[in-house]
């Protein structure tokens, strides 16, 4: 039995997920909690937020994020891919900075204008 706190909404339900019973979830206040609990144990996903170097901007780093969730197991590999990225100002929010990172069909996008 694994205990989790659901982060789908601000309520923060205390979930219990039974790996030995087809990932049965209890403690949820809604169906989204069931989905979250199962996915967190079977295939955890995260949105990655980070920064990349930028030339000609008002700051030295540009904040970026993945366009959607990626497998948690790929987070460090994705960070390594971002380490060598350098963009040049101007950049608009939601501009694609790195297309199809790690072949995951997910883009890295800017999260602000600079």
PDB file of N, CA and C in Angstrom:
ATOM      1  N   UNK A   1       0.852  -1.176   0.000  1.00  0.00           N
ATOM      2  CA  UNK A   1       0.000   0.000   0.000  1.00  0.00           C
ATOM      3  C   UNK A   1       0.896   1.238   0.000  1.00  0.00           C
ATOM      4  N   UNK A   2       0.619   2.123  -0.940  1.00  0.00           N
ATOM      5  CA  UNK A   2       1.372   3.372  -1.038  1.00  0.00           C
ATOM      6  C   UNK A   2       0.449   4.529  -0.699  1.00  0.00           C
ATOM      7  N   UNK A   3       0.945   5.461   0.110  1.00  0.00           N
ATOM      8  CA  UNK A   3       0.166   6.640   0.470  1.00  0.00           C
ATOM      9  C   UNK A   3       0.689   7.839  -0.306  1.00  0.00           C
ATOM     10  N   UNK A   4      -0.243   8.597  -0.871  1.00  0.00           N
ATOM     11  CA  UNK A   4       0.078   9.782  -1.672  1.00  0.00           C
ATOM     12  C   UNK A   4      -0.837  10.925  -1.282  1.00  0.00           C
ATOM     13  N   UNK A   5      -0.426  12.127  -1.558  1.00  0.00           N
ATOM     14  CA  UNK A   5      -1.314  13.278  -1.467  1.00  0.00           C
ATOM     15  C   UNK A   5      -1.606  13.705  -2.896  1.00  0.00           C
ATOM     16  N   UNK A   6      -2.873  13.735  -3.235  1.00  0.00           N
ATOM     17  CA  UNK A   6      -3.289  14.094  -4.592  1.00  0.00           C
ATOM     18  C   UNK A   6      -3.019  15.575  -4.833  1.00  0.00           C
ATOM     19  N   UNK A   7      -2.451  15.911  -5.996  1.00  0.00           N
ATOM     20  CA  UNK A   7      -2.129  17.296  -6.334  1.00  0.00           C
ATOM     21  C   UNK A   7      -2.955  17.810  -7.510  1.00  0.00           C
ATOM     22  N   UNK A   8      -4.007  17.075  -7.867  1.00  0.00           N
ATOM     23  CA  UNK A   8      -4.835  17.474  -9.006  1.00  0.00           C
ATOM     24  C   UNK A   8      -5.597  18.760  -8.696  1.00  0.00           C
ATOM     25  N   UNK A   9      -6.029  18.941  -7.459  1.00  0.00           N
ATOM     26  CA  UNK A   9      -6.735  20.161  -7.072  1.00  0.00           C
ATOM     27  C   UNK A   9      -6.223  20.602  -5.696  1.00  0.00           C
ATOM     28  N   UNK A  10      -6.634  21.757  -5.227  1.00  0.00           N
ATOM     29  CA  UNK A  10      -6.147  22.249  -3.929  1.00  0.00           C
ATOM     30  C   UNK A  10      -6.625  21.455  -2.707  1.00  0.00           C
ATOM     31  N   UNK A  11      -7.590  20.585  -2.873  1.00  0.00           N
ATOM     32  CA  UNK A  11      -8.126  19.833  -1.728  1.00  0.00           C
ATOM     33  C   UNK A  11      -7.068  18.941  -1.080  1.00  0.00           C
ATOM     34  N   UNK A  12      -6.177  18.332  -1.874  1.00  0.00           N
ATOM     35  CA  UNK A  12      -5.081  17.532  -1.341  1.00  0.00           C
ATOM     36  C   UNK A  12      -5.512  16.266  -0.628  1.00  0.00           C
ATOM     37  N   UNK A  13      -6.339  15.465  -1.280  1.00  0.00           N
ATOM     38  CA  UNK A  13      -6.823  14.219  -0.671  1.00  0.00           C
ATOM     39  C   UNK A  13      -5.660  13.282  -0.340  1.00  0.00           C
ATOM     40  N   UNK A  14      -5.785  12.579   0.779  1.00  0.00           N
ATOM     41  CA  UNK A  14      -4.793  11.588   1.187  1.00  0.00           C
ATOM     42  C   UNK A  14      -5.199  10.247   0.589  1.00  0.00           C
ATOM     43  N   UNK A  15      -4.483   9.836  -0.440  1.00  0.00           N
ATOM     44  CA  UNK A  15      -4.804   8.619  -1.177  1.00  0.00           C
ATOM     45  C   UNK A  15      -4.019   7.434  -0.645  1.00  0.00           C
ATOM     46  N   UNK A  16      -4.643   6.272  -0.758  1.00  0.00           N
ATOM     47  CA  UNK A  16      -3.953   5.010  -0.522  1.00  0.00           C
ATOM     48  C   UNK A  16      -4.142   4.185  -1.784  1.00  0.00           C
ATOM     49  N   UNK A  17      -3.022   3.719  -2.332  1.00  0.00           N
ATOM     50  CA  UNK A  17      -3.058   2.940  -3.563  1.00  0.00           C
ATOM     51  C   UNK A  17      -2.533   1.547  -3.253  1.00  0.00           C
ATOM     52  N   UNK A  18      -3.360   0.555  -3.531  1.00  0.00           N
ATOM     53  CA  UNK A  18      -3.021  -0.838  -3.244  1.00  0.00           C
ATOM     54  C   UNK A  18      -2.461  -1.496  -4.500  1.00  0.00           C
ATOM     55  N   UNK A  19      -1.145  -1.643  -4.541  1.00  0.00           N
ATOM     56  CA  UNK A  19      -0.484  -2.235  -5.704  1.00  0.00           C
ATOM     57  C   UNK A  19      -0.867  -3.703  -5.886  1.00  0.00           C
ATOM     58  N   UNK A  20      -1.258  -4.367  -4.820  1.00  0.00           N
ATOM     59  CA  UNK A  20      -1.596  -5.790  -4.876  1.00  0.00           C
ATOM     60  C   UNK A  20      -3.057  -6.040  -5.243  1.00  0.00           C
ATOM     61  N   UNK A  21      -3.830  -4.988  -5.412  1.00  0.00           N
ATOM     62  CA  UNK A  21      -5.244  -5.108  -5.736  1.00  0.00           C
ATOM     63  C   UNK A  21      -5.569  -4.255  -6.964  1.00  0.00           C
ATOM     64  N   UNK A  22      -4.822  -4.477  -8.057  1.00  0.00           N
ATOM     65  CA  UNK A  22      -5.059  -3.768  -9.320  1.00  0.00           C
ATOM     66  C   UNK A  22      -5.020  -2.247  -9.159  1.00  0.00           C
ATOM     67  N   UNK A  23      -4.144  -1.767  -8.283  1.00  0.00           N
ATOM     68  CA  UNK A  23      -3.948  -0.335  -8.027  1.00  0.00           C
ATOM     69  C   UNK A  23      -5.254   0.337  -7.585  1.00  0.00           C
ATOM     70  N   UNK A  24      -5.992  -0.317  -6.714  1.00  0.00           N
ATOM     71  CA  UNK A  24      -7.221   0.263  -6.165  1.00  0.00           C
ATOM     72  C   UNK A  24      -6.870   1.487  -5.327  1.00  0.00           C
ATOM     73  N   UNK A  25      -7.622   2.560  -5.532  1.00  0.00           N
ATOM     74  CA  UNK A  25      -7.364   3.831  -4.847  1.00  0.00           C
ATOM     75  C   UNK A  25      -8.495   4.124  -3.874  1.00  0.00           C
ATOM     76  N   UNK A  26      -8.130   4.495  -2.646  1.00  0.00           N
ATOM     77  CA  UNK A  26      -9.104   4.945  -1.656  1.00  0.00           C
ATOM     78  C   UNK A  26      -8.653   6.293  -1.112  1.00  0.00           C
ATOM     79  N   UNK A  27      -9.586   7.011  -0.502  1.00  0.00           N
ATOM     80  CA  UNK A  27      -9.280   8.319   0.082  1.00  0.00           C
ATOM     81  C   UNK A  27      -9.487   9.470  -0.874  1.00  0.00           C
ATOM     82  N   UNK A  28      -9.881   9.172  -2.106  1.00  0.00           N
ATOM     83  CA  UNK A  28     -10.075  10.212  -3.109  1.00  0.00           C
ATOM     84  C   UNK A  28     -11.426  10.891  -2.930  1.00  0.00           C
ATOM     85  N   UNK A  29     -11.473  12.183  -3.261  1.00  0.00           N
ATOM     86  CA  UNK A  29     -12.722  12.931  -3.209  1.00  0.00           C
ATOM     87  C   UNK A  29     -13.413  13.009  -4.553  1.00  0.00           C
ATOM     88  N   UNK A  30     -12.712  12.579  -5.614  1.00  0.00           N
ATOM     89  CA  UNK A  30     -13.299  12.600  -6.956  1.00  0.00           C
ATOM     90  C   UNK A  30     -12.596  11.565  -7.830  1.00  0.00           C
ATOM     91  N   UNK A  31     -13.104  11.376  -9.031  1.00  0.00           N
ATOM     92  CA  UNK A  31     -12.526  10.386  -9.940  1.00  0.00           C
ATOM     93  C   UNK A  31     -11.126  10.782 -10.428  1.00  0.00           C
ATOM     94  N   UNK A  32     -10.838  12.074 -10.438  1.00  0.00           N
ATOM     95  CA  UNK A  32      -9.497  12.509 -10.854  1.00  0.00           C
ATOM     96  C   UNK A  32      -8.436  11.980  -9.895  1.00  0.00           C
ATOM     97  N   UNK A  33      -8.789  11.847  -8.628  1.00  0.00           N
ATOM     98  CA  UNK A  33      -7.863  11.298  -7.638  1.00  0.00           C
ATOM     99  C   UNK A  33      -7.525   9.849  -7.908  1.00  0.00           C
ATOM    100  N   UNK A  34      -8.526   9.087  -8.376  1.00  0.00           N
ATOM    101  CA  UNK A  34      -8.291   7.685  -8.735  1.00  0.00           C
ATOM    102  C   UNK A  34      -7.289   7.614  -9.882  1.00  0.00           C
ATOM    103  N   UNK A  35      -7.516   8.417 -10.913  1.00  0.00           N
ATOM    104  CA  UNK A  35      -6.622   8.438 -12.076  1.00  0.00           C
ATOM    105  C   UNK A  35      -5.214   8.867 -11.673  1.00  0.00           C
ATOM    106  N   UNK A  36      -5.123   9.917 -10.857  1.00  0.00           N
ATOM    107  CA  UNK A  36      -3.821  10.408 -10.405  1.00  0.00           C
ATOM    108  C   UNK A  36      -3.080   9.334  -9.614  1.00  0.00           C
ATOM    109  N   UNK A  37      -3.759   8.706  -8.661  1.00  0.00           N
ATOM    110  CA  UNK A  37      -3.120   7.694  -7.822  1.00  0.00           C
ATOM    111  C   UNK A  37      -2.568   6.532  -8.624  1.00  0.00           C
ATOM    112  N   UNK A  38      -3.360   6.024  -9.556  1.00  0.00           N
ATOM    113  CA  UNK A  38      -2.907   4.911 -10.397  1.00  0.00           C
ATOM    114  C   UNK A  38      -1.725   5.332 -11.264  1.00  0.00           C
ATOM    115  N   UNK A  39      -1.870   6.478 -11.936  1.00  0.00           N
ATOM    116  CA  UNK A  39      -0.802   6.937 -12.833  1.00  0.00           C
ATOM    117  C   UNK A  39       0.495   7.231 -12.089  1.00  0.00           C
ATOM    118  N   UNK A  40       0.386   7.737 -10.872  1.00  0.00           N
ATOM    119  CA  UNK A  40       1.582   8.083 -10.109  1.00  0.00           C
ATOM    120  C   UNK A  40       2.422   6.849  -9.801  1.00  0.00           C
ATOM    121  N   UNK A  41       1.786   5.701  -9.674  1.00  0.00           N
ATOM    122  CA  UNK A  41       2.536   4.471  -9.411  1.00  0.00           C
ATOM    123  C   UNK A  41       2.906   3.721 -10.691  1.00  0.00           C
ATOM    124  N   UNK A  42       2.053   3.776 -11.691  1.00  0.00           N
ATOM    125  CA  UNK A  42       2.299   3.024 -12.929  1.00  0.00           C
ATOM    126  C   UNK A  42       3.235   3.788 -13.867  1.00  0.00           C
ATOM    127  N   UNK A  43       2.960   5.058 -14.101  1.00  0.00           N
ATOM    128  CA  UNK A  43       3.753   5.873 -15.041  1.00  0.00           C
ATOM    129  C   UNK A  43       3.678   7.344 -14.627  1.00  0.00           C
ATOM    130  N   UNK A  44       4.480   7.743 -13.644  1.00  0.00           N
ATOM    131  CA  UNK A  44       4.420   9.133 -13.177  1.00  0.00           C
ATOM    132  C   UNK A  44       4.871  10.111 -14.258  1.00  0.00           C
ATOM    133  N   UNK A  45       4.136  11.199 -14.375  1.00  0.00           N
ATOM    134  CA  UNK A  45       4.395  12.225 -15.387  1.00  0.00           C
ATOM    135  C   UNK A  45       4.557  13.580 -14.700  1.00  0.00           C
ATOM    136  N   UNK A  46       5.358  14.451 -15.310  1.00  0.00           N
ATOM    137  CA  UNK A  46       5.587  15.788 -14.770  1.00  0.00           C
ATOM    138  C   UNK A  46       5.748  16.792 -15.909  1.00  0.00           C
ATOM    139  N   UNK A  47       5.400  18.057 -15.621  1.00  0.00           N
ATOM    140  CA  UNK A  47       5.765  19.170 -16.485  1.00  0.00           C
ATOM    141  C   UNK A  47       7.106  19.665 -15.964  1.00  0.00           C
ATOM    142  N   UNK A  48       8.079  19.776 -16.856  1.00  0.00           N
ATOM    143  CA  UNK A  48       9.409  20.244 -16.482  1.00  0.00           C
ATOM    144  C   UNK A  48       9.473  21.752 -16.651  1.00  0.00           C
ATOM    145  N   UNK A  49       9.931  22.456 -15.633  1.00  0.00           N
ATOM    146  CA  UNK A  49      10.197  23.893 -15.735  1.00  0.00           C
ATOM    147  C   UNK A  49      11.682  24.110 -15.484  1.00  0.00           C
ATOM    148  N   UNK A  50      12.283  24.974 -16.285  1.00  0.00           N
ATOM    149  CA  UNK A  50      13.716  25.221 -16.165  1.00  0.00           C
ATOM    150  C   UNK A  50      14.043  26.556 -16.814  1.00  0.00           C
ATOM    151  N   UNK A  51      15.323  26.747 -17.120  1.00  0.00           N
ATOM    152  CA  UNK A  51      15.774  27.933 -17.838  1.00  0.00           C
ATOM    153  C   UNK A  51      16.813  27.524 -18.873  1.00  0.00           C
ATOM    154  N   UNK A  52      16.974  28.375 -19.880  1.00  0.00           N
ATOM    155  CA  UNK A  52      18.049  28.209 -20.870  1.00  0.00           C
ATOM    156  C   UNK A  52      18.780  29.543 -20.994  1.00  0.00           C
ATOM    157  N   UNK A  53      19.995  29.494 -21.519  1.00  0.00           N
ATOM    158  CA  UNK A  53      20.773  30.711 -21.731  1.00  0.00           C
ATOM    159  C   UNK A  53      20.139  31.528 -22.854  1.00  0.00           C
ATOM    160  N   UNK A  54      20.222  32.863 -22.706  1.00  0.00           N
ATOM    161  CA  UNK A  54      19.721  33.752 -23.753  1.00  0.00           C
ATOM    162  C   UNK A  54      20.714  34.888 -23.963  1.00  0.00           C
ATOM    163  N   UNK A  55      20.977  35.184 -25.221  1.00  0.00           N
ATOM    164  CA  UNK A  55      21.857  36.302 -25.577  1.00  0.00           C
ATOM    165  C   UNK A  55      20.989  37.493 -25.968  1.00  0.00           C
ATOM    166  N   UNK A  56      21.374  38.668 -25.479  1.00  0.00           N
ATOM    167  CA  UNK A  56      20.668  39.895 -25.842  1.00  0.00           C
ATOM    168  C   UNK A  56      19.387  40.140 -25.070  1.00  0.00           C
ATOM    169  N   UNK A  57      19.139  39.375 -24.039  1.00  0.00           N
ATOM    170  CA  UNK A  57      17.932  39.567 -23.223  1.00  0.00           C
ATOM    171  C   UNK A  57      18.216  40.461 -22.038  1.00  0.00           C
ATOM    172  N   UNK A  58      17.165  40.845 -21.328  1.00  0.00           N
ATOM    173  CA  UNK A  58      17.351  41.682 -20.146  1.00  0.00           C
ATOM    174  C   UNK A  58      17.879  40.866 -18.962  1.00  0.00           C
ATOM    175  N   UNK A  59      17.791  39.529 -19.074  1.00  0.00           N
ATOM    176  CA  UNK A  59      18.356  38.613 -18.086  1.00  0.00           C
ATOM    177  C   UNK A  59      19.255  37.626 -18.820  1.00  0.00           C
ATOM    178  N   UNK A  60      20.050  36.862 -18.078  1.00  0.00           N
ATOM    179  CA  UNK A  60      20.963  35.894 -18.688  1.00  0.00           C
ATOM    180  C   UNK A  60      20.289  34.558 -18.973  1.00  0.00           C
ATOM    181  N   UNK A  61      19.132  34.301 -18.342  1.00  0.00           N
ATOM    182  CA  UNK A  61      18.426  33.033 -18.505  1.00  0.00           C
ATOM    183  C   UNK A  61      16.965  33.302 -18.884  1.00  0.00           C
ATOM    184  N   UNK A  62      16.429  32.435 -19.735  1.00  0.00           N
ATOM    185  CA  UNK A  62      15.038  32.502 -20.173  1.00  0.00           C
ATOM    186  C   UNK A  62      14.270  31.352 -19.532  1.00  0.00           C
ATOM    187  N   UNK A  63      13.168  31.619 -18.830  1.00  0.00           N
ATOM    188  CA  UNK A  63      12.394  30.515 -18.265  1.00  0.00           C
ATOM    189  C   UNK A  63      11.656  29.750 -19.358  1.00  0.00           C
ATOM    190  N   UNK A  64      11.664  28.424 -19.228  1.00  0.00           N
ATOM    191  CA  UNK A  64      11.031  27.541 -20.210  1.00  0.00           C
ATOM    192  C   UNK A  64      10.298  26.404 -19.485  1.00  0.00           C
ATOM    193  N   UNK A  65       9.465  25.688 -20.231  1.00  0.00           N
ATOM    194  CA  UNK A  65       8.780  24.520 -19.693  1.00  0.00           C
ATOM    195  C   UNK A  65       8.449  23.573 -20.832  1.00  0.00           C
ATOM    196  N   UNK A  66       8.102  22.340 -20.471  1.00  0.00           N
ATOM    197  CA  UNK A  66       7.633  21.406 -21.482  1.00  0.00           C
ATOM    198  C   UNK A  66       6.212  21.795 -21.868  1.00  0.00           C
ATOM    199  N   UNK A  67       5.856  21.546 -23.115  1.00  0.00           N
ATOM    200  CA  UNK A  67       4.522  21.907 -23.594  1.00  0.00           C
ATOM    201  C   UNK A  67       3.442  21.022 -23.002  1.00  0.00           C
ATOM    202  N   UNK A  68       3.832  19.872 -22.491  1.00  0.00           N
ATOM    203  CA  UNK A  68       2.924  18.987 -21.761  1.00  0.00           C
ATOM    204  C   UNK A  68       3.772  18.078 -20.881  1.00  0.00           C
ATOM    205  N   UNK A  69       3.135  17.194 -20.150  1.00  0.00           N
ATOM    206  CA  UNK A  69       3.858  16.318 -19.228  1.00  0.00           C
ATOM    207  C   UNK A  69       4.775  15.348 -19.968  1.00  0.00           C
ATOM    208  N   UNK A  70       5.877  15.014 -19.290  1.00  0.00           N
ATOM    209  CA  UNK A  70       6.802  13.994 -19.787  1.00  0.00           C
ATOM    210  C   UNK A  70       6.966  12.944 -18.683  1.00  0.00           C
ATOM    211  N   UNK A  71       7.436  11.750 -19.030  1.00  0.00           N
ATOM    212  CA  UNK A  71       7.673  10.754 -17.983  1.00  0.00           C
ATOM    213  C   UNK A  71       8.680  11.281 -16.953  1.00  0.00           C
ATOM    214  N   UNK A  72       8.374  11.071 -15.697  1.00  0.00           N
ATOM    215  CA  UNK A  72       9.257  11.519 -14.620  1.00  0.00           C
ATOM    216  C   UNK A  72      10.660  10.944 -14.791  1.00  0.00           C
ATOM    217  N   UNK A  73      10.755   9.742 -15.318  1.00  0.00           N
ATOM    218  CA  UNK A  73      12.055   9.094 -15.510  1.00  0.00           C
ATOM    219  C   UNK A  73      12.932   9.808 -16.541  1.00  0.00           C
ATOM    220  N   UNK A  74      12.354  10.688 -17.345  1.00  0.00           N
ATOM    221  CA  UNK A  74      13.102  11.417 -18.379  1.00  0.00           C
ATOM    222  C   UNK A  74      13.495  12.831 -17.958  1.00  0.00           C
ATOM    223  N   UNK A  75      13.160  13.225 -16.739  1.00  0.00           N
ATOM    224  CA  UNK A  75      13.408  14.600 -16.292  1.00  0.00           C
ATOM    225  C   UNK A  75      14.889  14.986 -16.349  1.00  0.00           C
ATOM    226  N   UNK A  76      15.765  14.169 -15.782  1.00  0.00           N
ATOM    227  CA  UNK A  76      17.189  14.510 -15.751  1.00  0.00           C
ATOM    228  C   UNK A  76      17.791  14.517 -17.157  1.00  0.00           C
ATOM    229  N   UNK A  77      17.388  13.587 -17.986  1.00  0.00           N
ATOM    230  CA  UNK A  77      17.877  13.551 -19.365  1.00  0.00           C
ATOM    231  C   UNK A  77      17.432  14.804 -20.120  1.00  0.00           C
ATOM    232  N   UNK A  78      16.230  15.246 -19.866  1.00  0.00           N
ATOM    233  CA  UNK A  78      15.723  16.467 -20.488  1.00  0.00           C
ATOM    234  C   UNK A  78      16.501  17.685 -19.998  1.00  0.00           C
ATOM    235  N   UNK A  79      16.813  17.718 -18.712  1.00  0.00           N
ATOM    236  CA  UNK A  79      17.607  18.822 -18.166  1.00  0.00           C
ATOM    237  C   UNK A  79      18.985  18.879 -18.831  1.00  0.00           C
ATOM    238  N   UNK A  80      19.590  17.715 -19.061  1.00  0.00           N
ATOM    239  CA  UNK A  80      20.885  17.677 -19.739  1.00  0.00           C
ATOM    240  C   UNK A  80      20.775  18.223 -21.152  1.00  0.00           C
ATOM    241  N   UNK A  81      19.682  17.913 -21.841  1.00  0.00           N
ATOM    242  CA  UNK A  81      19.469  18.427 -23.197  1.00  0.00           C
ATOM    243  C   UNK A  81      19.337  19.950 -23.193  1.00  0.00           C
ATOM    244  N   UNK A  82      18.746  20.507 -22.151  1.00  0.00           N
ATOM    245  CA  UNK A  82      18.572  21.960 -22.057  1.00  0.00           C
ATOM    246  C   UNK A  82      19.856  22.680 -21.686  1.00  0.00           C
ATOM    247  N   UNK A  83      20.784  21.966 -21.078  1.00  0.00           N
ATOM    248  CA  UNK A  83      22.015  22.580 -20.595  1.00  0.00           C
ATOM    249  C   UNK A  83      22.797  23.286 -21.700  1.00  0.00           C
ATOM    250  N   UNK A  84      22.788  22.744 -22.904  1.00  0.00           N
ATOM    251  CA  UNK A  84      23.565  23.341 -23.988  1.00  0.00           C
ATOM    252  C   UNK A  84      22.783  24.279 -24.878  1.00  0.00           C
ATOM    253  N   UNK A  85      21.537  24.560 -24.552  1.00  0.00           N
ATOM    254  CA  UNK A  85      20.695  25.409 -25.407  1.00  0.00           C
ATOM    255  C   UNK A  85      20.987  26.877 -25.148  1.00  0.00           C
ATOM    256  N   UNK A  86      21.163  27.623 -26.244  1.00  0.00           N
ATOM    257  CA  UNK A  86      21.347  29.079 -26.184  1.00  0.00           C
ATOM    258  C   UNK A  86      20.415  29.692 -27.222  1.00  0.00           C
ATOM    259  N   UNK A  87      19.579  30.633 -26.796  1.00  0.00           N
ATOM    260  CA  UNK A  87      18.685  31.327 -27.723  1.00  0.00           C
ATOM    261  C   UNK A  87      19.091  32.785 -27.786  1.00  0.00           C
ATOM    262  N   UNK A  88      18.573  33.476 -28.790  1.00  0.00           N
ATOM    263  CA  UNK A  88      18.874  34.889 -28.973  1.00  0.00           C
ATOM    264  C   UNK A  88      17.585  35.691 -28.882  1.00  0.00           C
ATOM    265  N   UNK A  89      17.630  36.782 -28.143  1.00  0.00           N
ATOM    266  CA  UNK A  89      16.490  37.675 -28.014  1.00  0.00           C
ATOM    267  C   UNK A  89      16.235  38.338 -29.365  1.00  0.00           C
ATOM    268  N   UNK A  90      15.003  38.636 -29.745  1.00  0.00           N
ATOM    269  CA  UNK A  90      13.784  38.568 -28.954  1.00  0.00           C
ATOM    270  C   UNK A  90      13.129  37.183 -29.002  1.00  0.00           C
ATOM    271  N   UNK A  91      12.466  36.845 -27.907  1.00  0.00           N
ATOM    272  CA  UNK A  91      11.706  35.606 -27.786  1.00  0.00           C
ATOM    273  C   UNK A  91      10.339  35.967 -27.234  1.00  0.00           C
ATOM    274  N   UNK A  92       9.306  35.388 -27.791  1.00  0.00           N
ATOM    275  CA  UNK A  92       7.941  35.596 -27.300  1.00  0.00           C
ATOM    276  C   UNK A  92       7.486  34.404 -26.461  1.00  0.00           C
ATOM    277  N   UNK A  93       6.644  34.662 -25.471  1.00  0.00           N
ATOM    278  CA  UNK A  93       6.092  33.594 -24.662  1.00  0.00           C
ATOM    279  C   UNK A  93       5.415  32.571 -25.575  1.00  0.00           C
ATOM    280  N   UNK A  94       5.633  31.288 -25.292  1.00  0.00           N
ATOM    281  CA  UNK A  94       5.122  30.136 -26.043  1.00  0.00           C
ATOM    282  C   UNK A  94       5.912  29.838 -27.323  1.00  0.00           C
ATOM    283  N   UNK A  95       6.963  30.634 -27.639  1.00  0.00           N
ATOM    284  CA  UNK A  95       7.842  30.262 -28.757  1.00  0.00           C
ATOM    285  C   UNK A  95       8.471  28.915 -28.454  1.00  0.00           C
ATOM    286  N   UNK A  96       8.583  28.075 -29.478  1.00  0.00           N
ATOM    287  CA  UNK A  96       9.230  26.777 -29.300  1.00  0.00           C
ATOM    288  C   UNK A  96      10.737  26.999 -29.263  1.00  0.00           C
ATOM    289  N   UNK A  97      11.351  26.580 -28.178  1.00  0.00           N
ATOM    290  CA  UNK A  97      12.790  26.724 -27.975  1.00  0.00           C
ATOM    291  C   UNK A  97      13.512  25.463 -28.425  1.00  0.00           C
ATOM    292  N   UNK A  98      12.925  24.310 -28.162  1.00  0.00           N
ATOM    293  CA  UNK A  98      13.501  23.021 -28.548  1.00  0.00           C
ATOM    294  C   UNK A  98      12.346  22.111 -28.966  1.00  0.00           C
ATOM    295  N   UNK A  99      12.356  21.717 -30.228  1.00  0.00           N
ATOM    296  CA  UNK A  99      11.268  20.898 -30.773  1.00  0.00           C
ATOM    297  C   UNK A  99      11.504  19.424 -30.476  1.00  0.00           C
ATOM    298  N   UNK A 100      10.461  18.720 -30.087  1.00  0.00           N
ATOM    299  CA  UNK A 100      10.461  17.265 -29.899  1.00  0.00           C
ATOM    300  C   UNK A 100      11.640  16.802 -29.036  1.00  0.00           C
ATOM    301  N   UNK A 101      11.721  17.349 -27.846  1.00  0.00           N
ATOM    302  CA  UNK A 101      12.819  17.009 -26.942  1.00  0.00           C
ATOM    303  C   UNK A 101      12.841  15.501 -26.670  1.00  0.00           C
ATOM    304  N   UNK A 102      13.995  14.895 -26.796  1.00  0.00           N
ATOM    305  CA  UNK A 102      14.233  13.475 -26.542  1.00  0.00           C
ATOM    306  C   UNK A 102      13.328  12.545 -27.349  1.00  0.00           C
ATOM    307  N   UNK A 103      12.759  13.049 -28.430  1.00  0.00           N
ATOM    308  CA  UNK A 103      11.868  12.229 -29.245  1.00  0.00           C
ATOM    309  C   UNK A 103      10.556  11.907 -28.537  1.00  0.00           C
ATOM    310  N   UNK A 104      10.161  12.724 -27.570  1.00  0.00           N
ATOM    311  CA  UNK A 104       8.954  12.483 -26.780  1.00  0.00           C
ATOM    312  C   UNK A 104       7.711  13.146 -27.365  1.00  0.00           C
ATOM    313  N   UNK A 105       7.856  13.806 -28.515  1.00  0.00           N
ATOM    314  CA  UNK A 105       6.753  14.556 -29.129  1.00  0.00           C
ATOM    315  C   UNK A 105       6.265  15.658 -28.187  1.00  0.00           C
ATOM    316  N   UNK A 106       7.206  16.260 -27.473  1.00  0.00           N
ATOM    317  CA  UNK A 106       6.942  17.361 -26.544  1.00  0.00           C
ATOM    318  C   UNK A 106       7.952  18.455 -26.844  1.00  0.00           C
ATOM    319  N   UNK A 107       7.485  19.698 -26.910  1.00  0.00           N
ATOM    320  CA  UNK A 107       8.372  20.828 -27.166  1.00  0.00           C
ATOM    321  C   UNK A 107       8.750  21.513 -25.862  1.00  0.00           C
ATOM    322  N   UNK A 108       9.880  22.202 -25.883  1.00  0.00           N
ATOM    323  CA  UNK A 108      10.250  23.122 -24.800  1.00  0.00           C
ATOM    324  C   UNK A 108       9.849  24.504 -25.292  1.00  0.00           C
ATOM    325  N   UNK A 109       9.052  25.200 -24.481  1.00  0.00           N
ATOM    326  CA  UNK A 109       8.540  26.517 -24.882  1.00  0.00           C
ATOM    327  C   UNK A 109       8.943  27.568 -23.876  1.00  0.00           C
ATOM    328  N   UNK A 110       9.061  28.810 -24.368  1.00  0.00           N
ATOM    329  CA  UNK A 110       9.368  29.957 -23.499  1.00  0.00           C
ATOM    330  C   UNK A 110       8.150  30.280 -22.647  1.00  0.00           C
ATOM    331  N   UNK A 111       8.400  30.694 -21.420  1.00  0.00           N
ATOM    332  CA  UNK A 111       7.284  31.058 -20.530  1.00  0.00           C
ATOM    333  C   UNK A 111       7.207  32.556 -20.259  1.00  0.00           C
ATOM    334  N   UNK A 112       7.979  33.341 -21.030  1.00  0.00           N
ATOM    335  CA  UNK A 112       7.869  34.796 -20.956  1.00  0.00           C
ATOM    336  C   UNK A 112       8.471  35.412 -22.202  1.00  0.00           C
ATOM    337  N   UNK A 113       8.134  36.646 -22.463  1.00  0.00           N
ATOM    338  CA  UNK A 113       8.748  37.438 -23.530  1.00  0.00           C
ATOM    339  C   UNK A 113      10.097  37.931 -23.027  1.00  0.00           C
ATOM    340  N   UNK A 114      11.081  37.988 -23.932  1.00  0.00           N
ATOM    341  CA  UNK A 114      12.345  38.598 -23.557  1.00  0.00           C
ATOM    342  C   UNK A 114      13.063  39.044 -24.821  1.00  0.00           C
TER     343      UNK A 114
END
